[in-house]
């Protein structure tokens, strides 16, 4: 399950446990809805509580990133665990996705 928080000028999505084929469609739908609301120029996906992601979860992130670019919305990830970071690096998505160590580091970049 995910939580969506609205902070000043930032929408924060906080998925929990795992993003797999079982829930990737719902996850992507929530990201798409948050992006299309266009209430904030930035969307941050906080992966702190995500333990596992599979190819369907990665595709949800990629699709959402592409949509964000087309809508001129900044799309970023933060708090990526070491195990998820390995998957993102092996798939070379770290070259496409903007990733921050923590929410604090993300806030510093604004």
PDB file of N, CA and C in Angstrom:
ATOM      1  N   UNK A   1       0.835  -1.172   0.000  1.00  0.00           N
ATOM      2  CA  UNK A   1       0.000   0.000   0.000  1.00  0.00           C
ATOM      3  C   UNK A   1       0.886   1.243   0.000  1.00  0.00           C
ATOM      4  N   UNK A   2       0.353   2.307  -0.552  1.00  0.00           N
ATOM      5  CA  UNK A   2       1.092   3.557  -0.651  1.00  0.00           C
ATOM      6  C   UNK A   2       0.381   4.659   0.105  1.00  0.00           C
ATOM      7  N   UNK A   3       1.175   5.621   0.501  1.00  0.00           N
ATOM      8  CA  UNK A   3       0.608   6.851   1.049  1.00  0.00           C
ATOM      9  C   UNK A   3       1.066   7.980   0.154  1.00  0.00           C
ATOM     10  N   UNK A   4       0.189   8.938  -0.064  1.00  0.00           N
ATOM     11  CA  UNK A   4       0.545  10.119  -0.833  1.00  0.00           C
ATOM     12  C   UNK A   4       0.415  11.314   0.086  1.00  0.00           C
ATOM     13  N   UNK A   5       1.499  12.042   0.230  1.00  0.00           N
ATOM     14  CA  UNK A   5       1.520  13.232   1.075  1.00  0.00           C
ATOM     15  C   UNK A   5       1.728  14.453   0.202  1.00  0.00           C
ATOM     16  N   UNK A   6       1.084  15.520   0.567  1.00  0.00           N
ATOM     17  CA  UNK A   6       1.265  16.768  -0.160  1.00  0.00           C
ATOM     18  C   UNK A   6       1.967  17.751   0.757  1.00  0.00           C
ATOM     19  N   UNK A   7       3.168  18.117   0.396  1.00  0.00           N
ATOM     20  CA  UNK A   7       3.950  19.096   1.135  1.00  0.00           C
ATOM     21  C   UNK A   7       4.041  20.327   0.247  1.00  0.00           C
ATOM     22  N   UNK A   8       4.470  21.448   0.768  1.00  0.00           N
ATOM     23  CA  UNK A   8       4.557  22.636  -0.075  1.00  0.00           C
ATOM     24  C   UNK A   8       5.386  22.371  -1.332  1.00  0.00           C
ATOM     25  N   UNK A   9       4.747  22.454  -2.482  1.00  0.00           N
ATOM     26  CA  UNK A   9       5.378  22.292  -3.792  1.00  0.00           C
ATOM     27  C   UNK A   9       5.936  20.906  -4.082  1.00  0.00           C
ATOM     28  N   UNK A  10       5.644  19.916  -3.237  1.00  0.00           N
ATOM     29  CA  UNK A  10       6.149  18.552  -3.459  1.00  0.00           C
ATOM     30  C   UNK A  10       5.038  17.547  -3.138  1.00  0.00           C
ATOM     31  N   UNK A  11       4.844  16.593  -4.028  1.00  0.00           N
ATOM     32  CA  UNK A  11       3.982  15.458  -3.733  1.00  0.00           C
ATOM     33  C   UNK A  11       4.909  14.304  -3.390  1.00  0.00           C
ATOM     34  N   UNK A  12       4.700  13.683  -2.232  1.00  0.00           N
ATOM     35  CA  UNK A  12       5.538  12.574  -1.790  1.00  0.00           C
ATOM     36  C   UNK A  12       4.703  11.295  -1.787  1.00  0.00           C
ATOM     37  N   UNK A  13       5.188  10.287  -2.499  1.00  0.00           N
ATOM     38  CA  UNK A  13       4.528   8.981  -2.531  1.00  0.00           C
ATOM     39  C   UNK A  13       5.413   8.020  -1.747  1.00  0.00           C
ATOM     40  N   UNK A  14       4.798   7.297  -0.796  1.00  0.00           N
ATOM     41  CA  UNK A  14       5.548   6.386   0.072  1.00  0.00           C
ATOM     42  C   UNK A  14       5.023   4.955  -0.069  1.00  0.00           C
ATOM     43  N   UNK A  15       5.538   4.211  -1.052  1.00  0.00           N
ATOM     44  CA  UNK A  15       5.124   2.811  -1.164  1.00  0.00           C
ATOM     45  C   UNK A  15       5.675   1.992   0.002  1.00  0.00           C
ATOM     46  N   UNK A  16       5.046   0.872   0.263  1.00  0.00           N
ATOM     47  CA  UNK A  16       5.424   0.025   1.389  1.00  0.00           C
ATOM     48  C   UNK A  16       5.740  -1.397   0.920  1.00  0.00           C
ATOM     49  N   UNK A  17       6.634  -2.065   1.595  1.00  0.00           N
ATOM     50  CA  UNK A  17       7.015  -3.474   1.431  1.00  0.00           C
ATOM     51  C   UNK A  17       7.587  -3.825   0.067  1.00  0.00           C
ATOM     52  N   UNK A  18       6.747  -4.075  -0.946  1.00  0.00           N
ATOM     53  CA  UNK A  18       7.295  -4.466  -2.247  1.00  0.00           C
ATOM     54  C   UNK A  18       6.457  -3.874  -3.375  1.00  0.00           C
ATOM     55  N   UNK A  19       7.127  -3.687  -4.503  1.00  0.00           N
ATOM     56  CA  UNK A  19       6.451  -3.242  -5.721  1.00  0.00           C
ATOM     57  C   UNK A  19       6.719  -4.336  -6.749  1.00  0.00           C
ATOM     58  N   UNK A  20       5.708  -5.157  -6.959  1.00  0.00           N
ATOM     59  CA  UNK A  20       5.840  -6.320  -7.840  1.00  0.00           C
ATOM     60  C   UNK A  20       4.686  -6.352  -8.826  1.00  0.00           C
ATOM     61  N   UNK A  21       4.684  -7.374  -9.666  1.00  0.00           N
ATOM     62  CA  UNK A  21       3.617  -7.530 -10.655  1.00  0.00           C
ATOM     63  C   UNK A  21       2.236  -7.532  -9.994  1.00  0.00           C
ATOM     64  N   UNK A  22       2.172  -7.978  -8.745  1.00  0.00           N
ATOM     65  CA  UNK A  22       0.900  -8.042  -8.030  1.00  0.00           C
ATOM     66  C   UNK A  22       0.307  -6.659  -7.749  1.00  0.00           C
ATOM     67  N   UNK A  23       1.155  -5.651  -7.583  1.00  0.00           N
ATOM     68  CA  UNK A  23       0.636  -4.328  -7.231  1.00  0.00           C
ATOM     69  C   UNK A  23       1.218  -3.190  -8.074  1.00  0.00           C
ATOM     70  N   UNK A  24       2.030  -3.497  -9.061  1.00  0.00           N
ATOM     71  CA  UNK A  24       2.684  -2.451  -9.862  1.00  0.00           C
ATOM     72  C   UNK A  24       1.680  -1.595 -10.621  1.00  0.00           C
ATOM     73  N   UNK A  25       0.619  -2.200 -11.121  1.00  0.00           N
ATOM     74  CA  UNK A  25      -0.390  -1.431 -11.849  1.00  0.00           C
ATOM     75  C   UNK A  25      -1.030  -0.382 -10.942  1.00  0.00           C
ATOM     76  N   UNK A  26      -1.400  -0.787  -9.744  1.00  0.00           N
ATOM     77  CA  UNK A  26      -2.003   0.151  -8.783  1.00  0.00           C
ATOM     78  C   UNK A  26      -1.001   1.247  -8.402  1.00  0.00           C
ATOM     79  N   UNK A  27       0.256   0.864  -8.189  1.00  0.00           N
ATOM     80  CA  UNK A  27       1.313   1.824  -7.866  1.00  0.00           C
ATOM     81  C   UNK A  27       1.468   2.847  -8.993  1.00  0.00           C
ATOM     82  N   UNK A  28       1.556   2.361 -10.223  1.00  0.00           N
ATOM     83  CA  UNK A  28       1.706   3.269 -11.366  1.00  0.00           C
ATOM     84  C   UNK A  28       0.481   4.171 -11.510  1.00  0.00           C
ATOM     85  N   UNK A  29      -0.689   3.616 -11.265  1.00  0.00           N
ATOM     86  CA  UNK A  29      -1.924   4.403 -11.354  1.00  0.00           C
ATOM     87  C   UNK A  29      -1.917   5.541 -10.333  1.00  0.00           C
ATOM     88  N   UNK A  30      -1.444   5.260  -9.110  1.00  0.00           N
ATOM     89  CA  UNK A  30      -1.368   6.309  -8.083  1.00  0.00           C
ATOM     90  C   UNK A  30      -0.356   7.384  -8.474  1.00  0.00           C
ATOM     91  N   UNK A  31       0.782   6.957  -9.033  1.00  0.00           N
ATOM     92  CA  UNK A  31       1.779   7.928  -9.485  1.00  0.00           C
ATOM     93  C   UNK A  31       1.220   8.775 -10.623  1.00  0.00           C
ATOM     94  N   UNK A  32       0.543   8.141 -11.560  1.00  0.00           N
ATOM     95  CA  UNK A  32      -0.045   8.855 -12.693  1.00  0.00           C
ATOM     96  C   UNK A  32      -1.083   9.867 -12.219  1.00  0.00           C
ATOM     97  N   UNK A  33      -1.932   9.459 -11.301  1.00  0.00           N
ATOM     98  CA  UNK A  33      -2.946  10.363 -10.753  1.00  0.00           C
ATOM     99  C   UNK A  33      -2.289  11.559 -10.073  1.00  0.00           C
ATOM    100  N   UNK A  34      -1.273  11.291  -9.278  1.00  0.00           N
ATOM    101  CA  UNK A  34      -0.567  12.383  -8.581  1.00  0.00           C
ATOM    102  C   UNK A  34       0.091  13.331  -9.586  1.00  0.00           C
ATOM    103  N   UNK A  35       0.678  12.783 -10.636  1.00  0.00           N
ATOM    104  CA  UNK A  35       1.325  13.620 -11.649  1.00  0.00           C
ATOM    105  C   UNK A  35       0.308  14.437 -12.438  1.00  0.00           C
ATOM    106  N   UNK A  36      -0.783  13.830 -12.796  1.00  0.00           N
ATOM    107  CA  UNK A  36      -1.783  14.522 -13.623  1.00  0.00           C
ATOM    108  C   UNK A  36      -2.542  15.597 -12.855  1.00  0.00           C
ATOM    109  N   UNK A  37      -2.575  15.507 -11.536  1.00  0.00           N
ATOM    110  CA  UNK A  37      -3.220  16.557 -10.739  1.00  0.00           C
ATOM    111  C   UNK A  37      -2.516  17.883 -10.935  1.00  0.00           C
ATOM    112  N   UNK A  38      -1.224  17.799 -11.205  1.00  0.00           N
ATOM    113  CA  UNK A  38      -0.397  18.973 -11.492  1.00  0.00           C
ATOM    114  C   UNK A  38      -0.488  20.015 -10.381  1.00  0.00           C
ATOM    115  N   UNK A  39      -0.787  19.546  -9.157  1.00  0.00           N
ATOM    116  CA  UNK A  39      -0.879  20.489  -8.038  1.00  0.00           C
ATOM    117  C   UNK A  39       0.506  20.915  -7.547  1.00  0.00           C
ATOM    118  N   UNK A  40       1.514  20.114  -7.820  1.00  0.00           N
ATOM    119  CA  UNK A  40       2.878  20.438  -7.416  1.00  0.00           C
ATOM    120  C   UNK A  40       3.836  20.169  -8.569  1.00  0.00           C
ATOM    121  N   UNK A  41       4.869  20.974  -8.698  1.00  0.00           N
ATOM    122  CA  UNK A  41       5.818  20.770  -9.798  1.00  0.00           C
ATOM    123  C   UNK A  41       6.856  19.673  -9.526  1.00  0.00           C
ATOM    124  N   UNK A  42       6.729  18.980  -8.390  1.00  0.00           N
ATOM    125  CA  UNK A  42       7.705  17.946  -8.027  1.00  0.00           C
ATOM    126  C   UNK A  42       6.996  16.728  -7.439  1.00  0.00           C
ATOM    127  N   UNK A  43       7.477  15.535  -7.830  1.00  0.00           N
ATOM    128  CA  UNK A  43       6.969  14.305  -7.239  1.00  0.00           C
ATOM    129  C   UNK A  43       8.166  13.519  -6.726  1.00  0.00           C
ATOM    130  N   UNK A  44       8.123  13.171  -5.461  1.00  0.00           N
ATOM    131  CA  UNK A  44       9.196  12.423  -4.818  1.00  0.00           C
ATOM    132  C   UNK A  44       8.656  11.069  -4.376  1.00  0.00           C
ATOM    133  N   UNK A  45       9.315   9.989  -4.803  1.00  0.00           N
ATOM    134  CA  UNK A  45       8.938   8.636  -4.387  1.00  0.00           C
ATOM    135  C   UNK A  45       9.924   8.222  -3.309  1.00  0.00           C
ATOM    136  N   UNK A  46       9.424   8.111  -2.081  1.00  0.00           N
ATOM    137  CA  UNK A  46      10.242   7.737  -0.927  1.00  0.00           C
ATOM    138  C   UNK A  46      10.202   6.212  -0.784  1.00  0.00           C
ATOM    139  N   UNK A  47      11.302   5.559  -1.101  1.00  0.00           N
ATOM    140  CA  UNK A  47      11.369   4.093  -1.091  1.00  0.00           C
ATOM    141  C   UNK A  47      11.902   3.509   0.217  1.00  0.00           C
ATOM    142  N   UNK A  48      11.888   4.288   1.265  1.00  0.00           N
ATOM    143  CA  UNK A  48      12.451   3.865   2.549  1.00  0.00           C
ATOM    144  C   UNK A  48      11.869   2.543   3.053  1.00  0.00           C
ATOM    145  N   UNK A  49      10.574   2.329   2.865  1.00  0.00           N
ATOM    146  CA  UNK A  49       9.926   1.124   3.396  1.00  0.00           C
ATOM    147  C   UNK A  49       9.712   0.036   2.346  1.00  0.00           C
ATOM    148  N   UNK A  50      10.351   0.190   1.183  1.00  0.00           N
ATOM    149  CA  UNK A  50      10.224  -0.830   0.132  1.00  0.00           C
ATOM    150  C   UNK A  50      11.364  -1.828   0.274  1.00  0.00           C
ATOM    151  N   UNK A  51      11.003  -3.090   0.398  1.00  0.00           N
ATOM    152  CA  UNK A  51      11.986  -4.153   0.592  1.00  0.00           C
ATOM    153  C   UNK A  51      12.366  -4.839  -0.715  1.00  0.00           C
ATOM    154  N   UNK A  52      11.441  -4.832  -1.696  1.00  0.00           N
ATOM    155  CA  UNK A  52      11.676  -5.564  -2.946  1.00  0.00           C
ATOM    156  C   UNK A  52      10.972  -4.866  -4.100  1.00  0.00           C
ATOM    157  N   UNK A  53      11.601  -4.913  -5.266  1.00  0.00           N
ATOM    158  CA  UNK A  53      10.985  -4.406  -6.493  1.00  0.00           C
ATOM    159  C   UNK A  53      11.335  -5.372  -7.618  1.00  0.00           C
ATOM    160  N   UNK A  54      10.371  -5.658  -8.474  1.00  0.00           N
ATOM    161  CA  UNK A  54      10.649  -6.529  -9.616  1.00  0.00           C
ATOM    162  C   UNK A  54      10.557  -5.719 -10.902  1.00  0.00           C
ATOM    163  N   UNK A  55      10.620  -6.401 -12.038  1.00  0.00           N
ATOM    164  CA  UNK A  55      10.634  -5.693 -13.323  1.00  0.00           C
ATOM    165  C   UNK A  55       9.356  -4.881 -13.548  1.00  0.00           C
ATOM    166  N   UNK A  56       8.238  -5.384 -13.072  1.00  0.00           N
ATOM    167  CA  UNK A  56       6.984  -4.633 -13.216  1.00  0.00           C
ATOM    168  C   UNK A  56       7.038  -3.335 -12.393  1.00  0.00           C
ATOM    169  N   UNK A  57       7.634  -3.404 -11.221  1.00  0.00           N
ATOM    170  CA  UNK A  57       7.795  -2.206 -10.397  1.00  0.00           C
ATOM    171  C   UNK A  57       8.732  -1.202 -11.037  1.00  0.00           C
ATOM    172  N   UNK A  58       9.812  -1.707 -11.633  1.00  0.00           N
ATOM    173  CA  UNK A  58      10.747  -0.825 -12.338  1.00  0.00           C
ATOM    174  C   UNK A  58      10.065  -0.156 -13.532  1.00  0.00           C
ATOM    175  N   UNK A  59       9.242  -0.917 -14.241  1.00  0.00           N
ATOM    176  CA  UNK A  59       8.516  -0.349 -15.388  1.00  0.00           C
ATOM    177  C   UNK A  59       7.548   0.737 -14.931  1.00  0.00           C
ATOM    178  N   UNK A  60       6.934   0.558 -13.772  1.00  0.00           N
ATOM    179  CA  UNK A  60       6.031   1.586 -13.240  1.00  0.00           C
ATOM    180  C   UNK A  60       6.802   2.879 -12.969  1.00  0.00           C
ATOM    181  N   UNK A  61       8.009   2.745 -12.427  1.00  0.00           N
ATOM    182  CA  UNK A  61       8.844   3.928 -12.180  1.00  0.00           C
ATOM    183  C   UNK A  61       9.259   4.595 -13.488  1.00  0.00           C
ATOM    184  N   UNK A  62       9.655   3.796 -14.470  1.00  0.00           N
ATOM    185  CA  UNK A  62      10.089   4.343 -15.757  1.00  0.00           C
ATOM    186  C   UNK A  62       8.928   5.060 -16.457  1.00  0.00           C
ATOM    187  N   UNK A  63       7.777   4.435 -16.492  1.00  0.00           N
ATOM    188  CA  UNK A  63       6.609   5.043 -17.133  1.00  0.00           C
ATOM    189  C   UNK A  63       6.231   6.350 -16.451  1.00  0.00           C
ATOM    190  N   UNK A  64       6.278   6.349 -15.142  1.00  0.00           N
ATOM    191  CA  UNK A  64       5.942   7.563 -14.391  1.00  0.00           C
ATOM    192  C   UNK A  64       6.967   8.659 -14.621  1.00  0.00           C
ATOM    193  N   UNK A  65       8.224   8.277 -14.720  1.00  0.00           N
ATOM    194  CA  UNK A  65       9.290   9.244 -15.005  1.00  0.00           C
ATOM    195  C   UNK A  65       9.076   9.878 -16.375  1.00  0.00           C
ATOM    196  N   UNK A  66       8.734   9.067 -17.362  1.00  0.00           N
ATOM    197  CA  UNK A  66       8.479   9.587 -18.710  1.00  0.00           C
ATOM    198  C   UNK A  66       7.285  10.538 -18.710  1.00  0.00           C
ATOM    199  N   UNK A  67       6.228  10.165 -17.997  1.00  0.00           N
ATOM    200  CA  UNK A  67       5.057  11.023 -17.908  1.00  0.00           C
ATOM    201  C   UNK A  67       5.419  12.342 -17.230  1.00  0.00           C
ATOM    202  N   UNK A  68       6.185  12.263 -16.151  1.00  0.00           N
ATOM    203  CA  UNK A  68       6.597  13.477 -15.430  1.00  0.00           C
ATOM    204  C   UNK A  68       7.366  14.419 -16.354  1.00  0.00           C
ATOM    205  N   UNK A  69       8.267  13.859 -17.148  1.00  0.00           N
ATOM    206  CA  UNK A  69       9.037  14.702 -18.083  1.00  0.00           C
ATOM    207  C   UNK A  69       8.119  15.382 -19.084  1.00  0.00           C
ATOM    208  N   UNK A  70       7.139  14.645 -19.597  1.00  0.00           N
ATOM    209  CA  UNK A  70       6.223  15.236 -20.575  1.00  0.00           C
ATOM    210  C   UNK A  70       5.353  16.322 -19.939  1.00  0.00           C
ATOM    211  N   UNK A  71       5.110  16.208 -18.637  1.00  0.00           N
ATOM    212  CA  UNK A  71       4.313  17.203 -17.917  1.00  0.00           C
ATOM    213  C   UNK A  71       5.177  18.289 -17.271  1.00  0.00           C
ATOM    214  N   UNK A  72       6.480  18.222 -17.525  1.00  0.00           N
ATOM    215  CA  UNK A  72       7.456  19.156 -16.956  1.00  0.00           C
ATOM    216  C   UNK A  72       7.391  19.176 -15.422  1.00  0.00           C
ATOM    217  N   UNK A  73       7.332  17.972 -14.862  1.00  0.00           N
ATOM    218  CA  UNK A  73       7.322  17.779 -13.415  1.00  0.00           C
ATOM    219  C   UNK A  73       8.594  17.046 -13.019  1.00  0.00           C
ATOM    220  N   UNK A  74       9.231  17.500 -11.971  1.00  0.00           N
ATOM    221  CA  UNK A  74      10.449  16.836 -11.490  1.00  0.00           C
ATOM    222  C   UNK A  74      10.052  15.536 -10.801  1.00  0.00           C
ATOM    223  N   UNK A  75      10.669  14.422 -11.224  1.00  0.00           N
ATOM    224  CA  UNK A  75      10.383  13.095 -10.684  1.00  0.00           C
ATOM    225  C   UNK A  75      11.655  12.559 -10.057  1.00  0.00           C
ATOM    226  N   UNK A  76      11.609  12.257  -8.759  1.00  0.00           N
ATOM    227  CA  UNK A  76      12.810  11.816  -8.044  1.00  0.00           C
ATOM    228  C   UNK A  76      12.483  10.667  -7.105  1.00  0.00           C
ATOM    229  N   UNK A  77      13.531   9.914  -6.760  1.00  0.00           N
ATOM    230  CA  UNK A  77      13.445   8.852  -5.764  1.00  0.00           C
ATOM    231  C   UNK A  77      14.340   9.223  -4.593  1.00  0.00           C
ATOM    232  N   UNK A  78      13.983   8.743  -3.405  1.00  0.00           N
ATOM    233  CA  UNK A  78      14.873   8.934  -2.261  1.00  0.00           C
ATOM    234  C   UNK A  78      14.807   7.725  -1.343  1.00  0.00           C
ATOM    235  N   UNK A  79      15.784   7.662  -0.455  1.00  0.00           N
ATOM    236  CA  UNK A  79      15.865   6.610   0.572  1.00  0.00           C
ATOM    237  C   UNK A  79      15.822   5.207  -0.025  1.00  0.00           C
ATOM    238  N   UNK A  80      16.607   4.995  -1.049  1.00  0.00           N
ATOM    239  CA  UNK A  80      16.674   3.699  -1.723  1.00  0.00           C
ATOM    240  C   UNK A  80      17.589   2.780  -0.919  1.00  0.00           C
ATOM    241  N   UNK A  81      17.084   1.613  -0.534  1.00  0.00           N
ATOM    242  CA  UNK A  81      17.886   0.667   0.245  1.00  0.00           C
ATOM    243  C   UNK A  81      19.021   0.116  -0.616  1.00  0.00           C
ATOM    244  N   UNK A  82      20.061  -0.407   0.020  1.00  0.00           N
ATOM    245  CA  UNK A  82      21.182  -0.979  -0.747  1.00  0.00           C
ATOM    246  C   UNK A  82      20.755  -2.080  -1.716  1.00  0.00           C
ATOM    247  N   UNK A  83      19.812  -2.929  -1.313  1.00  0.00           N
ATOM    248  CA  UNK A  83      19.376  -4.010  -2.209  1.00  0.00           C
ATOM    249  C   UNK A  83      18.623  -3.468  -3.421  1.00  0.00           C
ATOM    250  N   UNK A  84      17.806  -2.447  -3.232  1.00  0.00           N
ATOM    251  CA  UNK A  84      17.114  -1.836  -4.367  1.00  0.00           C
ATOM    252  C   UNK A  84      18.082  -1.056  -5.241  1.00  0.00           C
ATOM    253  N   UNK A  85      19.057  -0.431  -4.604  1.00  0.00           N
ATOM    254  CA  UNK A  85      20.037   0.349  -5.349  1.00  0.00           C
ATOM    255  C   UNK A  85      20.819  -0.546  -6.312  1.00  0.00           C
ATOM    256  N   UNK A  86      21.141  -1.748  -5.879  1.00  0.00           N
ATOM    257  CA  UNK A  86      21.852  -2.701  -6.744  1.00  0.00           C
ATOM    258  C   UNK A  86      21.016  -3.017  -7.981  1.00  0.00           C
ATOM    259  N   UNK A  87      19.728  -3.261  -7.782  1.00  0.00           N
ATOM    260  CA  UNK A  87      18.841  -3.563  -8.908  1.00  0.00           C
ATOM    261  C   UNK A  87      18.768  -2.375  -9.865  1.00  0.00           C
ATOM    262  N   UNK A  88      18.632  -1.180  -9.319  1.00  0.00           N
ATOM    263  CA  UNK A  88      18.550   0.027 -10.141  1.00  0.00           C
ATOM    264  C   UNK A  88      19.850   0.248 -10.906  1.00  0.00           C
ATOM    265  N   UNK A  89      20.980  -0.003 -10.257  1.00  0.00           N
ATOM    266  CA  UNK A  89      22.271   0.167 -10.932  1.00  0.00           C
ATOM    267  C   UNK A  89      22.509  -0.904 -11.997  1.00  0.00           C
ATOM    268  N   UNK A  90      22.139  -2.160 -11.702  1.00  0.00           N
ATOM    269  CA  UNK A  90      22.316  -3.237 -12.681  1.00  0.00           C
ATOM    270  C   UNK A  90      21.498  -2.998 -13.951  1.00  0.00           C
ATOM    271  N   UNK A  91      20.340  -2.401 -13.789  1.00  0.00           N
ATOM    272  CA  UNK A  91      19.486  -2.093 -14.938  1.00  0.00           C
ATOM    273  C   UNK A  91      19.837  -0.736 -15.550  1.00  0.00           C
ATOM    274  N   UNK A  92      20.823  -0.072 -14.986  1.00  0.00           N
ATOM    275  CA  UNK A  92      21.311   1.240 -15.411  1.00  0.00           C
ATOM    276  C   UNK A  92      20.238   2.326 -15.348  1.00  0.00           C
ATOM    277  N   UNK A  93      19.251   2.118 -14.503  1.00  0.00           N
ATOM    278  CA  UNK A  93      18.214   3.132 -14.330  1.00  0.00           C
ATOM    279  C   UNK A  93      18.693   4.307 -13.494  1.00  0.00           C
ATOM    280  N   UNK A  94      19.827   4.124 -12.826  1.00  0.00           N
ATOM    281  CA  UNK A  94      20.393   5.247 -12.063  1.00  0.00           C
ATOM    282  C   UNK A  94      20.842   6.355 -13.008  1.00  0.00           C
ATOM    283  N   UNK A  95      20.974   6.048 -14.290  1.00  0.00           N
ATOM    284  CA  UNK A  95      21.336   7.061 -15.294  1.00  0.00           C
ATOM    285  C   UNK A  95      20.114   7.847 -15.756  1.00  0.00           C
ATOM    286  N   UNK A  96      18.932   7.277 -15.517  1.00  0.00           N
ATOM    287  CA  UNK A  96      17.687   7.887 -15.974  1.00  0.00           C
ATOM    288  C   UNK A  96      16.921   8.531 -14.819  1.00  0.00           C
ATOM    289  N   UNK A  97      16.905   7.851 -13.692  1.00  0.00           N
ATOM    290  CA  UNK A  97      16.143   8.312 -12.536  1.00  0.00           C
ATOM    291  C   UNK A  97      16.999   9.189 -11.628  1.00  0.00           C
ATOM    292  N   UNK A  98      16.414  10.259 -11.132  1.00  0.00           N
ATOM    293  CA  UNK A  98      17.099  11.130 -10.184  1.00  0.00           C
ATOM    294  C   UNK A  98      16.925  10.516  -8.788  1.00  0.00           C
ATOM    295  N   UNK A  99      18.046  10.169  -8.147  1.00  0.00           N
ATOM    296  CA  UNK A  99      17.998   9.452  -6.871  1.00  0.00           C
ATOM    297  C   UNK A  99      18.748  10.240  -5.805  1.00  0.00           C
ATOM    298  N   UNK A 100      18.104  10.374  -4.633  1.00  0.00           N
ATOM    299  CA  UNK A 100      18.716  11.068  -3.501  1.00  0.00           C
ATOM    300  C   UNK A 100      18.822  10.122  -2.315  1.00  0.00           C
ATOM    301  N   UNK A 101      19.847  10.322  -1.531  1.00  0.00           N
ATOM    302  CA  UNK A 101      20.112   9.487  -0.360  1.00  0.00           C
ATOM    303  C   UNK A 101      18.966   9.542   0.653  1.00  0.00           C
ATOM    304  N   UNK A 102      18.373  10.722   0.814  1.00  0.00           N
ATOM    305  CA  UNK A 102      17.302  10.913   1.805  1.00  0.00           C
ATOM    306  C   UNK A 102      16.425  12.082   1.389  1.00  0.00           C
ATOM    307  N   UNK A 103      15.313  12.251   2.124  1.00  0.00           N
ATOM    308  CA  UNK A 103      14.434  13.404   1.859  1.00  0.00           C
ATOM    309  C   UNK A 103      15.176  14.707   2.144  1.00  0.00           C
ATOM    310  N   UNK A 104      16.021  14.686   3.157  1.00  0.00           N
ATOM    311  CA  UNK A 104      16.791  15.885   3.498  1.00  0.00           C
ATOM    312  C   UNK A 104      17.709  16.296   2.346  1.00  0.00           C
ATOM    313  N   UNK A 105      18.387  15.316   1.737  1.00  0.00           N
ATOM    314  CA  UNK A 105      19.258  15.602   0.598  1.00  0.00           C
ATOM    315  C   UNK A 105      18.449  16.127  -0.586  1.00  0.00           C
ATOM    316  N   UNK A 106      17.255  15.569  -0.773  1.00  0.00           N
ATOM    317  CA  UNK A 106      16.387  16.053  -1.838  1.00  0.00           C
ATOM    318  C   UNK A 106      16.006  17.512  -1.580  1.00  0.00           C
ATOM    319  N   UNK A 107      15.603  17.810  -0.366  1.00  0.00           N
ATOM    320  CA  UNK A 107      15.204  19.173  -0.004  1.00  0.00           C
ATOM    321  C   UNK A 107      16.360  20.152  -0.210  1.00  0.00           C
ATOM    322  N   UNK A 108      17.574  19.726   0.087  1.00  0.00           N
ATOM    323  CA  UNK A 108      18.742  20.577  -0.118  1.00  0.00           C
ATOM    324  C   UNK A 108      18.929  20.930  -1.591  1.00  0.00           C
ATOM    325  N   UNK A 109      18.492  20.042  -2.485  1.00  0.00           N
ATOM    326  CA  UNK A 109      18.693  20.264  -3.916  1.00  0.00           C
ATOM    327  C   UNK A 109      17.708  21.263  -4.514  1.00  0.00           C
ATOM    328  N   UNK A 110      16.697  21.630  -3.753  1.00  0.00           N
ATOM    329  CA  UNK A 110      15.662  22.537  -4.282  1.00  0.00           C
ATOM    330  C   UNK A 110      16.111  23.970  -4.337  1.00  0.00           C
TER     331      UNK A 110
END
